[in-house]
Amino acid sequence: MSAPLSADLAQIGKSVVIKGELSGSEDLYVDGQVEGSISLKNNSLTVGPHGQVKASVEAKGVVVQGKLDGNVQASDRVELRKSAIMNGDISTVRISIEEGAFLKGKIDIQGRAEKAAGK
């Protein structure tokens, strides 16, 4: 197994089911099922292709390849890959939606003066 770019990466496998509040200070990769809430304020959440998340999410960055039901608040970026199925509202600074991704919800793009000045 090759080392990820970030040394701090937690993984939830395909057969794992978690119900409740999930928080942490490292990046999280979910390929199993999570129900409740996820709080990773300074880190990223990746929902893998087999991942099924029913939770409100607060993170720095969110990448969805599987299914996510719930509202997402990302301080930096949200990516919906082509296999993503997302039901819920998104609030973020930057967003990327690939062709083929499904989104049912509202998108709120937050403005940042320093980000706009850099463009």
Protein backbone atom coordinates (compact mmCIF):
# COMPACT_ATOMS: atom_id res chain seq x y z
CA MET A 1 0.00 0.00 0.00
CA SER A 2 1.48 3.33 -1.03
CA ALA A 3 1.63 6.10 1.54
CA PRO A 4 -0.97 8.86 1.11
CA LEU A 5 0.14 12.49 0.74
CA SER A 6 -1.19 13.20 4.23
CA ALA A 7 0.37 11.08 6.97
CA ASP A 8 -2.80 11.44 9.07
CA LEU A 9 -5.53 9.49 7.26
CA ALA A 10 -8.23 7.44 8.95
CA GLN A 11 -10.21 4.89 6.92
CA ILE A 12 -13.62 3.32 7.42
CA GLY A 13 -13.86 0.11 5.39
CA LYS A 14 -16.76 -1.27 3.32
CA SER A 15 -18.14 -3.52 6.06
CA VAL A 16 -18.03 -0.90 8.86
CA VAL A 17 -21.25 0.79 10.07
CA ILE A 18 -21.06 3.80 12.40
CA LYS A 19 -24.04 5.58 14.00
CA GLY A 20 -23.48 8.74 16.03
CA GLU A 21 -21.16 11.72 16.13
CA LEU A 22 -17.83 11.42 14.34
CA SER A 23 -15.10 14.02 14.86
CA GLY A 24 -11.37 14.13 14.44
CA SER A 25 -8.23 16.05 13.53
CA GLU A 26 -7.10 13.96 10.56
CA ASP A 27 -8.39 13.31 7.05
CA LEU A 28 -11.09 10.64 6.83
CA TYR A 29 -11.87 8.18 4.02
CA VAL A 30 -15.29 6.51 4.32
CA ASP A 31 -16.09 3.45 2.19
CA GLY A 32 -18.61 2.04 4.68
CA GLN A 33 -21.76 3.48 6.26
CA VAL A 34 -21.95 6.48 8.58
CA GLU A 35 -25.14 7.88 10.08
CA GLY A 36 -25.24 10.97 12.32
CA SER A 37 -22.80 13.88 12.09
CA ILE A 38 -19.21 14.30 10.92
CA SER A 39 -17.02 17.17 12.13
CA LEU A 40 -13.52 17.52 10.67
CA LYS A 41 -13.07 21.31 10.86
CA ASN A 42 -9.46 21.51 9.60
CA ASN A 43 -9.40 18.28 7.60
CA SER A 44 -10.94 16.56 4.60
CA LEU A 45 -13.64 13.94 4.20
CA THR A 46 -13.67 11.58 1.22
CA VAL A 47 -16.74 9.41 0.65
CA GLY A 48 -15.45 6.46 -1.39
CA PRO A 49 -17.34 4.76 -4.23
CA HIS A 50 -18.98 2.27 -1.82
CA GLY A 51 -19.53 4.86 0.92
CA GLN A 52 -23.03 5.68 2.18
CA VAL A 53 -23.18 8.68 4.48
CA LYS A 54 -26.37 10.01 6.10
CA ALA A 55 -24.96 12.87 8.11
CA SER A 56 -24.49 16.58 8.42
CA VAL A 57 -20.87 17.25 7.46
CA GLU A 58 -18.54 20.03 8.54
CA ALA A 59 -15.03 19.82 7.08
CA LYS A 60 -12.33 21.79 5.29
CA GLY A 61 -12.73 19.78 2.09
CA VAL A 62 -15.25 17.16 0.97
CA VAL A 63 -14.92 14.74 -1.96
CA VAL A 64 -17.96 12.58 -2.78
CA GLN A 65 -17.67 9.47 -4.97
CA GLY A 66 -20.46 7.46 -3.33
CA LYS A 67 -23.73 8.53 -1.68
CA LEU A 68 -24.15 11.41 0.77
CA ASP A 69 -27.50 12.41 2.31
CA GLY A 70 -27.16 15.53 4.43
CA ASN A 71 -26.00 19.13 4.44
CA VAL A 72 -22.33 19.91 3.83
CA GLN A 73 -20.43 22.90 5.21
CA ALA A 74 -16.91 23.05 3.76
CA SER A 75 -14.52 25.88 4.60
CA ASP A 76 -12.45 25.30 1.43
CA ARG A 77 -13.79 23.00 -1.32
CA VAL A 78 -16.41 20.41 -2.30
CA GLU A 79 -15.91 17.96 -5.18
CA LEU A 80 -18.71 15.80 -6.57
CA ARG A 81 -17.18 13.09 -8.74
CA LYS A 82 -19.12 11.49 -11.63
CA SER A 83 -20.33 8.59 -9.46
CA ALA A 84 -21.59 10.91 -6.66
CA ILE A 85 -25.18 10.92 -5.45
CA MET A 86 -25.77 13.88 -3.13
CA ASN A 87 -29.02 14.93 -1.43
CA GLY A 88 -28.60 18.06 0.67
CA ASP A 89 -27.44 21.64 0.72
CA ILE A 90 -23.82 22.66 0.17
CA SER A 91 -22.12 25.72 1.63
CA THR A 92 -18.51 26.23 0.48
CA VAL A 93 -15.98 28.62 -1.04
CA ARG A 94 -15.20 26.47 -4.11
CA ILE A 95 -17.08 23.62 -5.79
CA SER A 96 -16.38 21.14 -8.56
CA ILE A 97 -19.12 18.96 -10.07
CA GLU A 98 -18.16 16.35 -12.66
CA GLU A 99 -20.50 15.45 -15.51
CA GLY A 100 -22.73 12.58 -14.39
CA ALA A 101 -22.83 13.54 -10.70
CA PHE A 102 -26.29 13.82 -9.09
CA LEU A 103 -27.13 16.70 -6.75
CA LYS A 104 -30.48 17.53 -5.21
CA GLY A 105 -30.14 20.58 -3.01
CA LYS A 106 -28.99 24.15 -2.79
CA ILE A 107 -25.46 25.46 -3.34
CA ASP A 108 -24.28 28.50 -1.38
CA ILE A 109 -20.89 29.84 -2.54
CA GLN A 110 -19.25 31.81 0.25
CA GLY A 111 -17.09 34.72 -0.90
CA ARG A 112 -13.63 35.38 0.47
CA ALA A 113 -11.92 38.69 -0.30
CA GLU A 114 -8.42 37.14 -0.37
CA LYS A 115 -9.55 34.33 -2.71
CA ALA A 116 -11.19 36.80 -5.13
CA ALA A 117 -8.12 39.06 -5.10
CA GLY A 118 -5.89 36.10 -6.02
CA LYS A 119 -7.81 35.35 -9.23
